Amino acid sequence: MITPNYISSDSISRIINLLTIRYWGEFKRREGSLKHGSGIMNLDSKFSTLFVEKGKHNDLIDTIFRSDNQFDSSLKDTFEFIQIQKYSKGDYIVPHRDVYDVCKLHLVTLTKSLVDGLIVEENNTLIKIYDEPGQYVDLSKGCWHWVDPVKNAPRLTLVIGE
């Protein structure tokens, strides 16, 4: 379920540097047509997303898929989408099950926290996975998961749809 150091610490530093210097202003709040809903009626998540695009964010894509990272080399050319989620203090994701039309989601934590993380329902048990830079979280398809209001901001995660 969790693979540490899936993305190297050097790549994490480069990704965060690119985000801070070049792309921080491109994060969009998940509101209106971009909202991220839940299984709970009338409750929406609160966070921001950078929608990474081929041709526009190639330096970021190249850094994510560097050879010292553990992604399959073909994923760089075949991914459906890449999103980087940014949480400010108090931001959260409501309990939900992913409904993306992809065969696999790749989730990697980019920042560290001893209090923030992803909560996952697995085999009728709730597990909190604390944020550790570079860790890969493999979620079972259809499992419930969420992020409680963030205390250590910014919190950054990488999501790749395959």
Protein backbone atom coordinates (compact mmCIF):
# COMPACT_ATOMS: atom_id res chain seq x y z
CA MET A 1 0.00 0.00 0.00
CA ILE A 2 2.84 2.46 0.81
CA THR A 3 6.18 2.60 -0.99
CA PRO A 4 8.70 5.03 0.53
CA ASN A 5 11.09 7.03 -1.67
CA TYR A 6 9.14 6.35 -4.85
CA ILE A 7 10.25 9.78 -6.00
CA SER A 8 13.80 10.70 -4.99
CA SER A 9 14.46 13.50 -2.53
CA ASP A 10 16.35 15.36 -5.27
CA SER A 11 13.30 15.17 -7.56
CA ILE A 12 11.00 16.30 -4.73
CA SER A 13 13.22 19.35 -4.17
CA ARG A 14 13.22 20.14 -7.89
CA ILE A 15 9.44 19.74 -8.16
CA ILE A 16 8.79 22.02 -5.18
CA ASN A 17 11.32 24.54 -6.54
CA LEU A 18 9.57 24.61 -9.95
CA LEU A 19 6.17 24.94 -8.29
CA THR A 20 7.33 27.81 -6.08
CA ILE A 21 9.26 29.76 -8.71
CA ARG A 22 7.25 29.17 -11.89
CA TYR A 23 3.81 27.71 -11.23
CA TRP A 24 2.50 28.84 -7.83
CA GLY A 25 0.14 31.33 -9.45
CA GLU A 26 -1.40 28.63 -11.67
CA PHE A 27 -3.04 26.68 -8.84
CA LYS A 28 -6.83 26.96 -9.09
CA ARG A 29 -9.29 26.62 -6.21
CA ARG A 30 -11.57 23.61 -6.68
CA GLU A 31 -14.77 25.61 -6.91
CA GLY A 32 -17.60 25.91 -9.44
CA SER A 33 -17.00 23.57 -12.37
CA LEU A 34 -13.74 22.39 -10.75
CA LYS A 35 -15.33 21.40 -7.43
CA HIS A 36 -14.41 18.10 -5.83
CA GLY A 37 -17.52 16.57 -4.31
CA SER A 38 -18.08 13.66 -1.99
CA GLY A 39 -20.43 10.90 -1.06
CA ILE A 40 -21.88 13.27 1.51
CA MET A 41 -24.62 15.44 0.08
CA ASN A 42 -23.82 19.17 -0.30
CA LEU A 43 -20.29 18.84 1.06
CA ASP A 44 -17.38 19.82 -1.19
CA SER A 45 -13.64 19.72 -0.69
CA LYS A 46 -11.50 22.82 -0.21
CA PHE A 47 -8.07 22.84 -1.86
CA SER A 48 -6.28 24.04 -5.02
CA THR A 49 -4.96 22.16 -8.05
CA LEU A 50 -2.31 22.71 -10.69
CA PHE A 51 -3.50 20.88 -13.82
CA VAL A 52 -0.21 19.85 -15.44
CA GLU A 53 -0.30 20.00 -19.24
CA LYS A 54 2.02 18.58 -21.90
CA GLY A 55 3.64 21.41 -23.81
CA LYS A 56 3.11 23.91 -21.00
CA HIS A 57 4.71 22.17 -17.99
CA ASN A 58 7.33 19.97 -19.69
CA ASP A 59 10.02 20.86 -17.14
CA LEU A 60 7.73 19.62 -14.36
CA ILE A 61 6.79 16.47 -16.30
CA ASP A 62 10.48 15.72 -17.00
CA THR A 63 11.28 16.10 -13.30
CA ILE A 64 8.41 13.84 -12.20
CA PHE A 65 9.52 11.09 -14.59
CA ARG A 66 13.30 11.32 -14.02
CA SER A 67 15.07 7.98 -14.24
CA ASP A 68 15.86 7.94 -10.49
CA ASN A 69 12.11 7.78 -9.75
CA GLN A 70 10.17 4.51 -9.79
CA PHE A 71 7.46 5.28 -12.36
CA ASP A 72 7.28 2.99 -15.38
CA SER A 73 9.15 4.82 -18.14
CA SER A 74 6.20 4.56 -20.56
CA LEU A 75 3.90 6.47 -18.16
CA LYS A 76 5.51 9.77 -19.18
CA ASP A 77 4.02 9.36 -22.66
CA THR A 78 0.76 7.62 -21.77
CA PHE A 79 -0.63 9.36 -18.66
CA GLU A 80 -4.22 10.62 -18.82
CA PHE A 81 -3.67 13.51 -16.42
CA ILE A 82 -1.32 14.93 -13.79
CA GLN A 83 -2.57 17.09 -10.95
CA ILE A 84 -0.66 18.63 -8.09
CA GLN A 85 -2.91 19.34 -5.11
CA LYS A 86 -2.06 22.24 -2.80
CA TYR A 87 -3.68 22.56 0.61
CA SER A 88 -3.49 25.76 2.62
CA LYS A 89 -4.08 25.73 6.37
CA GLY A 90 -7.64 24.50 6.99
CA ASP A 91 -8.07 22.98 3.50
CA TYR A 92 -9.37 19.41 3.25
CA ILE A 93 -10.80 16.72 1.00
CA VAL A 94 -14.15 15.33 2.06
CA PRO A 95 -14.70 11.56 2.30
CA HIS A 96 -15.11 10.19 -1.21
CA ARG A 97 -14.42 7.35 -3.59
CA ASP A 98 -12.57 8.25 -6.78
CA VAL A 99 -14.64 8.03 -9.93
CA TYR A 100 -11.99 8.93 -12.52
CA ASP A 101 -12.26 7.08 -15.80
CA VAL A 102 -8.71 5.73 -15.58
CA CYS A 103 -7.29 2.28 -14.95
CA LYS A 104 -4.91 3.39 -12.18
CA LEU A 105 -4.24 6.38 -9.95
CA HIS A 106 -0.74 7.13 -8.69
CA LEU A 107 -0.58 9.24 -5.52
CA VAL A 108 2.71 10.62 -4.19
CA THR A 109 3.15 12.89 -1.19
CA LEU A 110 5.50 15.83 -1.79
CA THR A 111 5.67 17.37 1.71
CA LYS A 112 6.27 16.10 5.25
CA SER A 113 3.97 16.34 8.24
CA LEU A 114 3.71 14.55 11.55
CA VAL A 115 0.02 15.54 11.82
CA ASP A 116 -1.37 15.79 8.27
CA GLY A 117 -2.01 12.92 5.92
CA LEU A 118 -4.45 10.79 4.00
CA ILE A 119 -7.08 8.74 5.80
CA VAL A 120 -8.04 5.55 4.00
CA GLU A 121 -10.70 2.93 4.66
CA GLU A 122 -9.16 -0.45 3.98
CA ASN A 123 -10.88 -3.73 4.96
CA ASN A 124 -13.32 -1.91 7.27
CA THR A 125 -10.42 -0.24 9.09
CA LEU A 126 -9.40 3.42 8.99
CA ILE A 127 -5.70 4.04 8.42
CA LYS A 128 -3.98 7.44 8.57
CA ILE A 129 -0.98 7.70 6.28
CA TYR A 130 1.13 10.61 7.50
CA ASP A 131 2.79 12.76 4.84
CA GLU A 132 6.31 11.73 3.93
CA PRO A 133 8.01 13.28 0.87
CA GLY A 134 8.30 10.88 -2.04
CA GLN A 135 6.05 8.15 -0.64
CA TYR A 136 3.72 6.38 -3.04
CA VAL A 137 0.26 5.46 -1.79
CA ASP A 138 -1.53 2.70 -3.68
CA LEU A 139 -5.26 3.00 -3.00
CA SER A 140 -7.62 0.13 -3.63
CA LYS A 141 -10.12 1.04 -6.31
CA GLY A 142 -13.35 2.26 -4.74
CA CYS A 143 -12.01 2.72 -1.21
CA TRP A 144 -13.16 5.68 0.85
CA HIS A 145 -10.46 8.26 1.62
CA TRP A 146 -10.11 11.88 2.71
CA VAL A 147 -7.83 14.54 4.16
CA ASP A 148 -8.78 16.24 7.44
CA PRO A 149 -8.30 20.03 7.67
CA VAL A 150 -4.59 20.66 7.12
CA LYS A 151 -2.54 22.05 9.98
CA ASN A 152 0.94 22.26 8.36
CA ALA A 153 0.66 24.21 5.12
CA PRO A 154 1.30 24.09 2.35
CA ARG A 155 0.59 20.38 1.89
CA LEU A 156 1.41 19.16 -1.63
CA THR A 157 0.51 15.88 -3.33
CA LEU A 158 0.95 14.56 -6.85
CA VAL A 159 -1.81 12.56 -8.57
CA ILE A 160 -1.28 10.84 -11.91
CA GLY A 161 -4.08 9.12 -13.81
CA GLU A 162 -3.08 6.27 -16.06
